[in-house]
C-alpha atoms as a PDB file:
ATOM      1  CA  UNK A   1       0.129   0.002   0.111  1.00  0.00           C
ATOM      2  CA  UNK A   2       1.788   3.522  -0.956  1.00  0.00           C
ATOM      3  CA  UNK A   3       1.864   6.682   1.562  1.00  0.00           C
ATOM      4  CA  UNK A   4      -1.524   8.190  -0.289  1.00  0.00           C
ATOM      5  CA  UNK A   5      -3.727   5.197  -0.107  1.00  0.00           C
ATOM      6  CA  UNK A   6      -2.574   4.768   3.430  1.00  0.00           C
ATOM      7  CA  UNK A   7      -3.624   7.744   4.480  1.00  0.00           C
ATOM      8  CA  UNK A   8      -6.892   7.666   2.721  1.00  0.00           C
ATOM      9  CA  UNK A   9      -7.888   4.540   4.438  1.00  0.00           C
ATOM     10  CA  UNK A  10      -6.452   6.479   7.741  1.00  0.00           C
ATOM     11  CA  UNK A  11      -8.998   8.961   7.473  1.00  0.00           C
ATOM     12  CA  UNK A  12     -11.757   7.265   6.523  1.00  0.00           C
ATOM     13  CA  UNK A  13     -11.384   5.069   9.687  1.00  0.00           C
ATOM     14  CA  UNK A  14     -11.284   8.364  11.652  1.00  0.00           C
ATOM     15  CA  UNK A  15     -14.392   9.487  10.143  1.00  0.00           C
ATOM     16  CA  UNK A  16     -16.068   6.767  10.824  1.00  0.00           C
ATOM     17  CA  UNK A  17     -14.938   6.705  14.456  1.00  0.00           C
ATOM     18  CA  UNK A  18     -16.283  10.026  14.607  1.00  0.00           C
ATOM     19  CA  UNK A  19     -19.813   8.451  14.540  1.00  0.00           C
ATOM     20  CA  UNK A  20     -19.309   6.939  17.468  1.00  0.00           C
ATOM     21  CA  UNK A  21     -18.463  10.113  19.782  1.00  0.00           C
ATOM     22  CA  UNK A  22     -20.887  10.562  22.190  1.00  0.00           C
ATOM     23  CA  UNK A  23     -22.669  13.770  21.801  1.00  0.00           C
ATOM     24  CA  UNK A  24     -25.448  13.336  24.666  1.00  0.00           C
ATOM     25  CA  UNK A  25     -24.413  11.658  27.860  1.00  0.00           C
ATOM     26  CA  UNK A  26     -27.246  12.578  30.565  1.00  0.00           C
ATOM     27  CA  UNK A  27     -28.426  10.579  33.598  1.00  0.00           C
ATOM     28  CA  UNK A  28     -31.058   8.378  31.604  1.00  0.00           C
ATOM     29  CA  UNK A  29     -30.097   9.428  28.120  1.00  0.00           C
ATOM     30  CA  UNK A  30     -26.739   8.774  26.108  1.00  0.00           C
ATOM     31  CA  UNK A  31     -26.674   9.318  22.544  1.00  0.00           C
ATOM     32  CA  UNK A  32     -23.392   9.192  19.751  1.00  0.00           C
ATOM     33  CA  UNK A  33     -23.275  11.554  16.610  1.00  0.00           C
ATOM     34  CA  UNK A  34     -24.482   8.372  14.547  1.00  0.00           C
ATOM     35  CA  UNK A  35     -27.861   8.157  16.901  1.00  0.00           C
ATOM     36  CA  UNK A  36     -28.854  11.761  16.885  1.00  0.00           C
ATOM     37  CA  UNK A  37     -28.038  12.029  13.088  1.00  0.00           C
ATOM     38  CA  UNK A  38     -30.221   9.052  12.534  1.00  0.00           C
ATOM     39  CA  UNK A  39     -33.213  10.819  14.767  1.00  0.00           C
ATOM     40  CA  UNK A  40     -32.805  14.074  13.036  1.00  0.00           C
ATOM     41  CA  UNK A  41     -32.960  11.895   9.599  1.00  0.00           C
ATOM     42  CA  UNK A  42     -36.041  10.303  10.466  1.00  0.00           C
ATOM     43  CA  UNK A  43     -38.676  10.819   7.928  1.00  0.00           C
ATOM     44  CA  UNK A  44     -41.202  12.292  10.491  1.00  0.00           C
ATOM     45  CA  UNK A  45     -38.672  14.231  12.388  1.00  0.00           C
ATOM     46  CA  UNK A  46     -37.790  15.956   9.138  1.00  0.00           C
ATOM     47  CA  UNK A  47     -41.393  16.823   8.089  1.00  0.00           C
ATOM     48  CA  UNK A  48     -42.194  18.337  11.770  1.00  0.00           C
ATOM     49  CA  UNK A  49     -38.855  20.132  11.660  1.00  0.00           C
ATOM     50  CA  UNK A  50     -38.955  21.659   8.355  1.00  0.00           C
ATOM     51  CA  UNK A  51     -42.490  22.978   9.206  1.00  0.00           C
ATOM     52  CA  UNK A  52     -40.948  25.074  11.878  1.00  0.00           C
ATOM     53  CA  UNK A  53     -38.111  26.214  10.210  1.00  0.00           C
ATOM     54  CA  UNK A  54     -39.033  27.338   6.920  1.00  0.00           C
ATOM     55  CA  UNK A  55     -39.347  30.885   6.818  1.00  0.00           C
ATOM     56  CA  UNK A  56     -38.007  31.438   9.502  1.00  0.00           C
ATOM     57  CA  UNK A  57     -34.201  32.234  10.689  1.00  0.00           C
ATOM     58  CA  UNK A  58     -32.552  29.387  13.155  1.00  0.00           C
ATOM     59  CA  UNK A  59     -30.693  29.086  16.058  1.00  0.00           C
ATOM     60  CA  UNK A  60     -28.748  25.979  15.849  1.00  0.00           C
ATOM     61  CA  UNK A  61     -26.455  24.320  18.586  1.00  0.00           C
ATOM     62  CA  UNK A  62     -23.957  21.858  17.733  1.00  0.00           C
ATOM     63  CA  UNK A  63     -22.254  19.711  20.141  1.00  0.00           C
ATOM     64  CA  UNK A  64     -18.441  18.570  19.551  1.00  0.00           C
ATOM     65  CA  UNK A  65     -18.065  16.923  22.580  1.00  0.00           C
ATOM     66  CA  UNK A  66     -19.774  15.444  25.998  1.00  0.00           C
ATOM     67  CA  UNK A  67     -20.876  19.467  27.210  1.00  0.00           C
ATOM     68  CA  UNK A  68     -19.527  21.648  25.073  1.00  0.00           C
ATOM     69  CA  UNK A  69     -22.412  23.022  22.931  1.00  0.00           C
ATOM     70  CA  UNK A  70     -21.901  25.941  20.803  1.00  0.00           C
ATOM     71  CA  UNK A  71     -25.031  28.171  19.872  1.00  0.00           C
ATOM     72  CA  UNK A  72     -24.807  29.135  16.294  1.00  0.00           C
ATOM     73  CA  UNK A  73     -27.057  31.840  14.347  1.00  0.00           C
ATOM     74  CA  UNK A  74     -24.783  32.679  11.621  1.00  0.00           C
ATOM     75  CA  UNK A  75     -23.073  30.277   8.836  1.00  0.00           C
ATOM     76  CA  UNK A  76     -21.201  31.306   5.698  1.00  0.00           C
ATOM     77  CA  UNK A  77     -21.351  34.973   6.572  1.00  0.00           C
ATOM     78  CA  UNK A  78     -25.459  34.559   6.765  1.00  0.00           C
ATOM     79  CA  UNK A  79     -28.294  34.328   9.181  1.00  0.00           C
ATOM     80  CA  UNK A  80     -28.747  30.346   9.460  1.00  0.00           C
ATOM     81  CA  UNK A  81     -32.413  29.706   7.238  1.00  0.00           C
ATOM     82  CA  UNK A  82     -33.018  26.538   6.519  1.00  0.00           C
ATOM     83  CA  UNK A  83     -35.042  26.327   3.613  1.00  0.00           C
ATOM     84  CA  UNK A  84     -35.146  22.717   2.020  1.00  0.00           C
ATOM     85  CA  UNK A  85     -34.722  18.934   3.379  1.00  0.00           C
ATOM     86  CA  UNK A  86     -32.124  17.764   0.324  1.00  0.00           C
ATOM     87  CA  UNK A  87     -29.725  15.735   1.799  1.00  0.00           C
ATOM     88  CA  UNK A  88     -26.738  18.059   0.726  1.00  0.00           C
ATOM     89  CA  UNK A  89     -24.181  17.875   3.325  1.00  0.00           C
ATOM     90  CA  UNK A  90     -22.388  20.924   1.685  1.00  0.00           C
ATOM     91  CA  UNK A  91     -25.255  23.484   1.145  1.00  0.00           C
ATOM     92  CA  UNK A  92     -26.395  25.798   4.269  1.00  0.00           C
ATOM     93  CA  UNK A  93     -29.600  26.456   3.666  1.00  0.00           C
ATOM     94  CA  UNK A  94     -30.061  22.548   3.989  1.00  0.00           C
ATOM     95  CA  UNK A  95     -31.476  20.614   7.028  1.00  0.00           C
ATOM     96  CA  UNK A  96     -28.892  17.807   6.543  1.00  0.00           C
ATOM     97  CA  UNK A  97     -25.905  20.203   6.211  1.00  0.00           C
ATOM     98  CA  UNK A  98     -26.193  20.857   9.731  1.00  0.00           C
ATOM     99  CA  UNK A  99     -27.522  17.409  11.419  1.00  0.00           C
ATOM    100  CA  UNK A 100     -24.498  15.849   9.860  1.00  0.00           C
ATOM    101  CA  UNK A 101     -21.946  18.559  11.464  1.00  0.00           C
ATOM    102  CA  UNK A 102     -23.403  17.176  14.981  1.00  0.00           C
ATOM    103  CA  UNK A 103     -26.685  19.653  15.442  1.00  0.00           C
ATOM    104  CA  UNK A 104     -28.234  18.664  18.586  1.00  0.00           C
ATOM    105  CA  UNK A 105     -30.707  21.551  18.569  1.00  0.00           C
ATOM    106  CA  UNK A 106     -33.011  23.353  16.233  1.00  0.00           C
ATOM    107  CA  UNK A 107     -34.383  26.895  17.667  1.00  0.00           C
ATOM    108  CA  UNK A 108     -36.660  28.554  15.397  1.00  0.00           C
ATOM    109  CA  UNK A 109     -36.631  32.456  15.823  1.00  0.00           C
ATOM    110  CA  UNK A 110     -39.518  35.167  16.186  1.00  0.00           C
ATOM    111  CA  UNK A 111     -39.627  37.757  13.748  1.00  0.00           C
ATOM    112  CA  UNK A 112     -41.326  41.567  14.428  1.00  0.00           C
ATOM    113  CA  UNK A 113     -44.588  40.029  14.173  1.00  0.00           C
ATOM    114  CA  UNK A 114     -45.818  36.968  15.193  1.00  0.00           C
ATOM    115  CA  UNK A 115     -49.097  34.622  15.235  1.00  0.00           C
ATOM    116  CA  UNK A 116     -48.436  32.618  18.351  1.00  0.00           C
ATOM    117  CA  UNK A 117     -47.484  33.691  21.809  1.00  0.00           C
ATOM    118  CA  UNK A 118     -45.587  31.856  24.106  1.00  0.00           C
ATOM    119  CA  UNK A 119     -44.888  31.098  27.946  1.00  0.00           C
ATOM    120  CA  UNK A 120     -41.849  29.641  28.650  1.00  0.00           C
ATOM    121  CA  UNK A 121     -42.396  27.724  31.757  1.00  0.00           C
ATOM    122  CA  UNK A 122     -38.708  27.158  33.654  1.00  0.00           C
ATOM    123  CA  UNK A 123     -39.052  25.299  37.130  1.00  0.00           C
ATOM    124  CA  UNK A 124     -36.446  25.420  39.829  1.00  0.00           C
ATOM    125  CA  UNK A 125     -34.959  22.571  40.429  1.00  0.00           C
ATOM    126  CA  UNK A 126     -37.258  22.234  43.875  1.00  0.00           C
ATOM    127  CA  UNK A 127     -40.463  22.953  42.340  1.00  0.00           C
ATOM    128  CA  UNK A 128     -42.459  19.544  42.353  1.00  0.00           C
ATOM    129  CA  UNK A 129     -43.192  18.318  38.900  1.00  0.00           C
ATOM    130  CA  UNK A 130     -46.630  17.858  40.169  1.00  0.00           C
ATOM    131  CA  UNK A 131     -46.996  21.686  40.460  1.00  0.00           C
ATOM    132  CA  UNK A 132     -45.415  22.013  37.010  1.00  0.00           C
ATOM    133  CA  UNK A 133     -47.759  20.042  35.123  1.00  0.00           C
ATOM    134  CA  UNK A 134     -50.548  21.861  37.226  1.00  0.00           C
ATOM    135  CA  UNK A 135     -49.230  25.340  36.339  1.00  0.00           C
ATOM    136  CA  UNK A 136     -49.068  24.444  32.749  1.00  0.00           C
ATOM    137  CA  UNK A 137     -52.623  23.858  32.815  1.00  0.00           C
ATOM    138  CA  UNK A 138     -53.624  27.120  34.260  1.00  0.00           C
ATOM    139  CA  UNK A 139     -51.331  29.171  32.213  1.00  0.00           C
ATOM    140  CA  UNK A 140     -52.785  27.237  29.134  1.00  0.00           C
ATOM    141  CA  UNK A 141     -56.317  28.192  30.490  1.00  0.00           C
ATOM    142  CA  UNK A 142     -55.359  31.836  30.796  1.00  0.00           C
ATOM    143  CA  UNK A 143     -53.565  32.149  27.077  1.00  0.00           C
ATOM    144  CA  UNK A 144     -56.747  30.678  25.594  1.00  0.00           C
ATOM    145  CA  UNK A 145     -58.968  33.817  26.922  1.00  0.00           C
ATOM    146  CA  UNK A 146     -56.168  36.172  25.313  1.00  0.00           C
ATOM    147  CA  UNK A 147     -57.606  38.245  22.204  1.00  0.00           C
ATOM    148  CA  UNK A 148     -56.947  36.735  18.928  1.00  0.00           C
ATOM    149  CA  UNK A 149     -56.182  33.628  20.782  1.00  0.00           C
ATOM    150  CA  UNK A 150     -57.603  30.741  18.222  1.00  0.00           C
ATOM    151  CA  UNK A 151     -56.327  27.661  19.805  1.00  0.00           C
ATOM    152  CA  UNK A 152     -53.727  26.574  22.755  1.00  0.00           C
ATOM    153  CA  UNK A 153     -51.135  24.024  22.903  1.00  0.00           C
ATOM    154  CA  UNK A 154     -48.675  22.774  25.631  1.00  0.00           C
ATOM    155  CA  UNK A 155     -45.606  21.062  24.650  1.00  0.00           C
ATOM    156  CA  UNK A 156     -42.465  19.607  27.182  1.00  0.00           C
ATOM    157  CA  UNK A 157     -39.637  21.687  26.350  1.00  0.00           C
ATOM    158  CA  UNK A 158     -37.140  18.792  26.894  1.00  0.00           C
ATOM    159  CA  UNK A 159     -35.638  19.855  29.858  1.00  0.00           C
ATOM    160  CA  UNK A 160     -38.107  20.879  32.725  1.00  0.00           C
ATOM    161  CA  UNK A 161     -40.754  22.706  31.790  1.00  0.00           C
ATOM    162  CA  UNK A 162     -42.974  23.098  29.379  1.00  0.00           C
ATOM    163  CA  UNK A 163     -43.877  25.752  26.606  1.00  0.00           C
ATOM    164  CA  UNK A 164     -47.476  27.061  26.295  1.00  0.00           C
ATOM    165  CA  UNK A 165     -48.384  28.608  22.601  1.00  0.00           C
ATOM    166  CA  UNK A 166     -51.837  30.332  21.843  1.00  0.00           C
ATOM    167  CA  UNK A 167     -51.906  30.431  18.028  1.00  0.00           C
ATOM    168  CA  UNK A 168     -53.290  33.708  16.529  1.00  0.00           C
ATOM    169  CA  UNK A 169     -55.616  34.317  14.096  1.00  0.00           C
ATOM    170  CA  UNK A 170     -53.204  36.621  12.406  1.00  0.00           C
ATOM    171  CA  UNK A 171     -49.852  38.184  12.910  1.00  0.00           C
ATOM    172  CA  UNK A 172     -49.496  40.870  15.599  1.00  0.00           C
ATOM    173  CA  UNK A 173     -46.349  42.634  17.050  1.00  0.00           C
ATOM    174  CA  UNK A 174     -44.411  40.163  18.989  1.00  0.00           C
ATOM    175  CA  UNK A 175     -43.669  43.077  21.216  1.00  0.00           C
ATOM    176  CA  UNK A 176     -47.596  43.804  21.772  1.00  0.00           C
ATOM    177  CA  UNK A 177     -48.081  40.049  22.418  1.00  0.00           C
ATOM    178  CA  UNK A 178     -45.629  40.112  25.251  1.00  0.00           C
ATOM    179  CA  UNK A 179     -46.655  43.178  27.075  1.00  0.00           C
ATOM    180  CA  UNK A 180     -50.470  41.839  26.717  1.00  0.00           C
ATOM    181  CA  UNK A 181     -49.285  38.889  28.559  1.00  0.00           C
ATOM    182  CA  UNK A 182     -47.404  40.661  31.461  1.00  0.00           C
ATOM    183  CA  UNK A 183     -50.225  41.496  33.903  1.00  0.00           C
ATOM    184  CA  UNK A 184     -52.511  38.534  33.491  1.00  0.00           C
ATOM    185  CA  UNK A 185     -49.030  36.330  34.369  1.00  0.00           C
ATOM    186  CA  UNK A 186     -48.069  38.735  37.457  1.00  0.00           C
ATOM    187  CA  UNK A 187     -51.719  38.177  38.710  1.00  0.00           C
ATOM    188  CA  UNK A 188     -51.281  34.296  38.100  1.00  0.00           C
ATOM    189  CA  UNK A 189     -47.897  34.510  40.008  1.00  0.00           C
ATOM    190  CA  UNK A 190     -48.941  36.607  43.038  1.00  0.00           C
ATOM    191  CA  UNK A 191     -52.275  34.094  43.327  1.00  0.00           C
ATOM    192  CA  UNK A 192     -49.761  30.748  43.194  1.00  0.00           C
ATOM    193  CA  UNK A 193     -46.709  32.231  45.973  1.00  0.00           C
ATOM    194  CA  UNK A 194     -44.444  29.951  43.838  1.00  0.00           C
ATOM    195  CA  UNK A 195     -44.194  31.823  40.884  1.00  0.00           C
ATOM    196  CA  UNK A 196     -42.193  34.681  39.047  1.00  0.00           C
ATOM    197  CA  UNK A 197     -41.565  36.423  35.941  1.00  0.00           C
ATOM    198  CA  UNK A 198     -38.022  36.663  36.838  1.00  0.00           C
ATOM    199  CA  UNK A 199     -35.644  34.240  37.648  1.00  0.00           C
ATOM    200  CA  UNK A 200     -36.683  31.633  39.560  1.00  0.00           C
ATOM    201  CA  UNK A 201     -35.392  30.560  42.984  1.00  0.00           C
ATOM    202  CA  UNK A 202     -34.668  26.969  43.810  1.00  0.00           C
ATOM    203  CA  UNK A 203     -38.520  26.346  44.500  1.00  0.00           C
ATOM    204  CA  UNK A 204     -40.037  28.689  42.069  1.00  0.00           C
ATOM    205  CA  UNK A 205     -41.130  28.558  38.938  1.00  0.00           C
ATOM    206  CA  UNK A 206     -40.822  31.081  36.322  1.00  0.00           C
ATOM    207  CA  UNK A 207     -43.080  32.209  33.977  1.00  0.00           C
ATOM    208  CA  UNK A 208     -40.771  33.590  31.119  1.00  0.00           C
ATOM    209  CA  UNK A 209     -41.602  35.879  28.406  1.00  0.00           C
ATOM    210  CA  UNK A 210     -38.020  36.622  26.883  1.00  0.00           C
ATOM    211  CA  UNK A 211     -38.812  34.660  24.185  1.00  0.00           C
ATOM    212  CA  UNK A 212     -41.145  36.753  22.704  1.00  0.00           C
ATOM    213  CA  UNK A 213     -39.047  38.989  21.088  1.00  0.00           C
ATOM    214  CA  UNK A 214     -37.362  39.859  18.059  1.00  0.00           C
ATOM    215  CA  UNK A 215     -34.494  37.176  17.762  1.00  0.00           C
ATOM    216  CA  UNK A 216     -35.692  35.634  20.737  1.00  0.00           C
ATOM    217  CA  UNK A 217     -36.162  31.691  20.246  1.00  0.00           C
ATOM    218  CA  UNK A 218     -37.976  28.495  21.555  1.00  0.00           C
ATOM    219  CA  UNK A 219     -36.794  24.773  20.842  1.00  0.00           C
ATOM    220  CA  UNK A 220     -38.385  23.289  18.139  1.00  0.00           C
ATOM    221  CA  UNK A 221     -41.164  20.872  17.471  1.00  0.00           C
ATOM    222  CA  UNK A 222     -39.148  17.482  17.913  1.00  0.00           C
ATOM    223  CA  UNK A 223     -36.295  19.099  18.312  1.00  0.00           C
ATOM    224  CA  UNK A 224     -33.630  17.179  21.390  1.00  0.00           C
ATOM    225  CA  UNK A 225     -32.228  18.598  24.195  1.00  0.00           C
ATOM    226  CA  UNK A 226     -28.834  18.742  24.341  1.00  0.00           C
ATOM    227  CA  UNK A 227     -28.125  18.417  27.577  1.00  0.00           C
ATOM    228  CA  UNK A 228     -31.110  15.973  28.647  1.00  0.00           C
ATOM    229  CA  UNK A 229     -31.512  13.765  25.387  1.00  0.00           C
ATOM    230  CA  UNK A 230     -35.245  14.510  25.288  1.00  0.00           C
ATOM    231  CA  UNK A 231     -37.219  15.594  23.006  1.00  0.00           C
ATOM    232  CA  UNK A 232     -39.307  18.392  22.894  1.00  0.00           C
ATOM    233  CA  UNK A 233     -43.463  16.760  21.968  1.00  0.00           C
ATOM    234  CA  UNK A 234     -46.645  18.072  21.910  1.00  0.00           C
ATOM    235  CA  UNK A 235     -48.349  17.183  25.639  1.00  0.00           C
ATOM    236  CA  UNK A 236     -52.144  15.616  24.925  1.00  0.00           C
ATOM    237  CA  UNK A 237     -52.432  14.564  28.565  1.00  0.00           C
ATOM    238  CA  UNK A 238     -50.727  16.955  31.725  1.00  0.00           C
ATOM    239  CA  UNK A 239     -52.148  14.799  34.097  1.00  0.00           C
ATOM    240  CA  UNK A 240     -50.307  11.680  33.087  1.00  0.00           C
ATOM    241  CA  UNK A 241     -47.194  13.236  31.432  1.00  0.00           C
ATOM    242  CA  UNK A 242     -44.029  11.800  32.061  1.00  0.00           C
ATOM    243  CA  UNK A 243     -40.734  12.682  30.449  1.00  0.00           C
ATOM    244  CA  UNK A 244     -38.751   9.906  30.671  1.00  0.00           C
ATOM    245  CA  UNK A 245     -41.524   7.909  29.150  1.00  0.00           C
ATOM    246  CA  UNK A 246     -43.509   9.990  26.887  1.00  0.00           C
ATOM    247  CA  UNK A 247     -40.128  12.602  25.859  1.00  0.00           C
ATOM    248  CA  UNK A 248     -37.959   9.923  24.408  1.00  0.00           C
ATOM    249  CA  UNK A 249     -36.614   9.397  21.215  1.00  0.00           C
ATOM    250  CA  UNK A 250     -38.247   5.859  21.410  1.00  0.00           C
ATOM    251  CA  UNK A 251     -41.458   7.210  22.239  1.00  0.00           C
ATOM    252  CA  UNK A 252     -41.211   9.802  19.188  1.00  0.00           C
ATOM    253  CA  UNK A 253     -40.209   6.895  16.963  1.00  0.00           C
ATOM    254  CA  UNK A 254     -41.354   3.836  18.142  1.00  0.00           C
ATOM    255  CA  UNK A 255     -37.869   2.358  17.674  1.00  0.00           C
ATOM    256  CA  UNK A 256     -34.092   3.397  18.965  1.00  0.00           C
ATOM    257  CA  UNK A 257     -32.478   6.117  16.647  1.00  0.00           C
ATOM    258  CA  UNK A 258     -29.424   3.509  15.507  1.00  0.00           C
ATOM    259  CA  UNK A 259     -32.383   1.697  14.135  1.00  0.00           C
ATOM    260  CA  UNK A 260     -34.602   4.506  12.127  1.00  0.00           C
ATOM    261  CA  UNK A 261     -32.206   5.194   8.892  1.00  0.00           C
ATOM    262  CA  UNK A 262     -28.581   3.824   8.165  1.00  0.00           C
ATOM    263  CA  UNK A 263     -25.669   6.949   7.588  1.00  0.00           C
ATOM    264  CA  UNK A 264     -23.988   5.754   4.986  1.00  0.00           C
END
């Protein structure tokens, strides 16, 4: 074997080995680059992700080793705008360009006008899980009666909390929407006693409106959380929802990520 052939063979072996790098190593979830790529390559996941990302700027979280997460807004000198799903690993507008480059999270970015309201429920480590589910229901009820809201949904964030989303009949100023939510949420926080609109104490839950601004964002539907390995999923029944049962890759796909689609 000549030196060039040996070099090529060594590089191919190294590239293959990198697919086994662990990107997410959480207490109950351990995922390699191959498994994360396979998850995002599944048709169901690609369809939902593209539905939220197309037409928007995006933030992409890339994980280069365990615990080393890079938050990226720009690529090739331009804002990230994922417009297609052509499986082109060389096109910065293609979804696969990022999934092949160790993307672990995708965040659609808000514009000046939005057709949805979002409240990010962020509980402290000492806030009871059962209470967080109850508060999510209370916030959903509050959002459902906001002017212009046609329907509501609750999503698990992939971390410890929830997103409560109100869908509007038409787009309106994101700043106006945020301001309209402040007083009703403040009244809810006062009535509950352990809720806050600011940074939470250990035993409090934050009703966070900071995503509701131009260039703000939330984790996209079916995006992984790079810290936990769990998925941001719709919540149908708040009373019975359990993250490590209902928000895993296996729950979303019905199979383990390595079985979803082969890399090569």
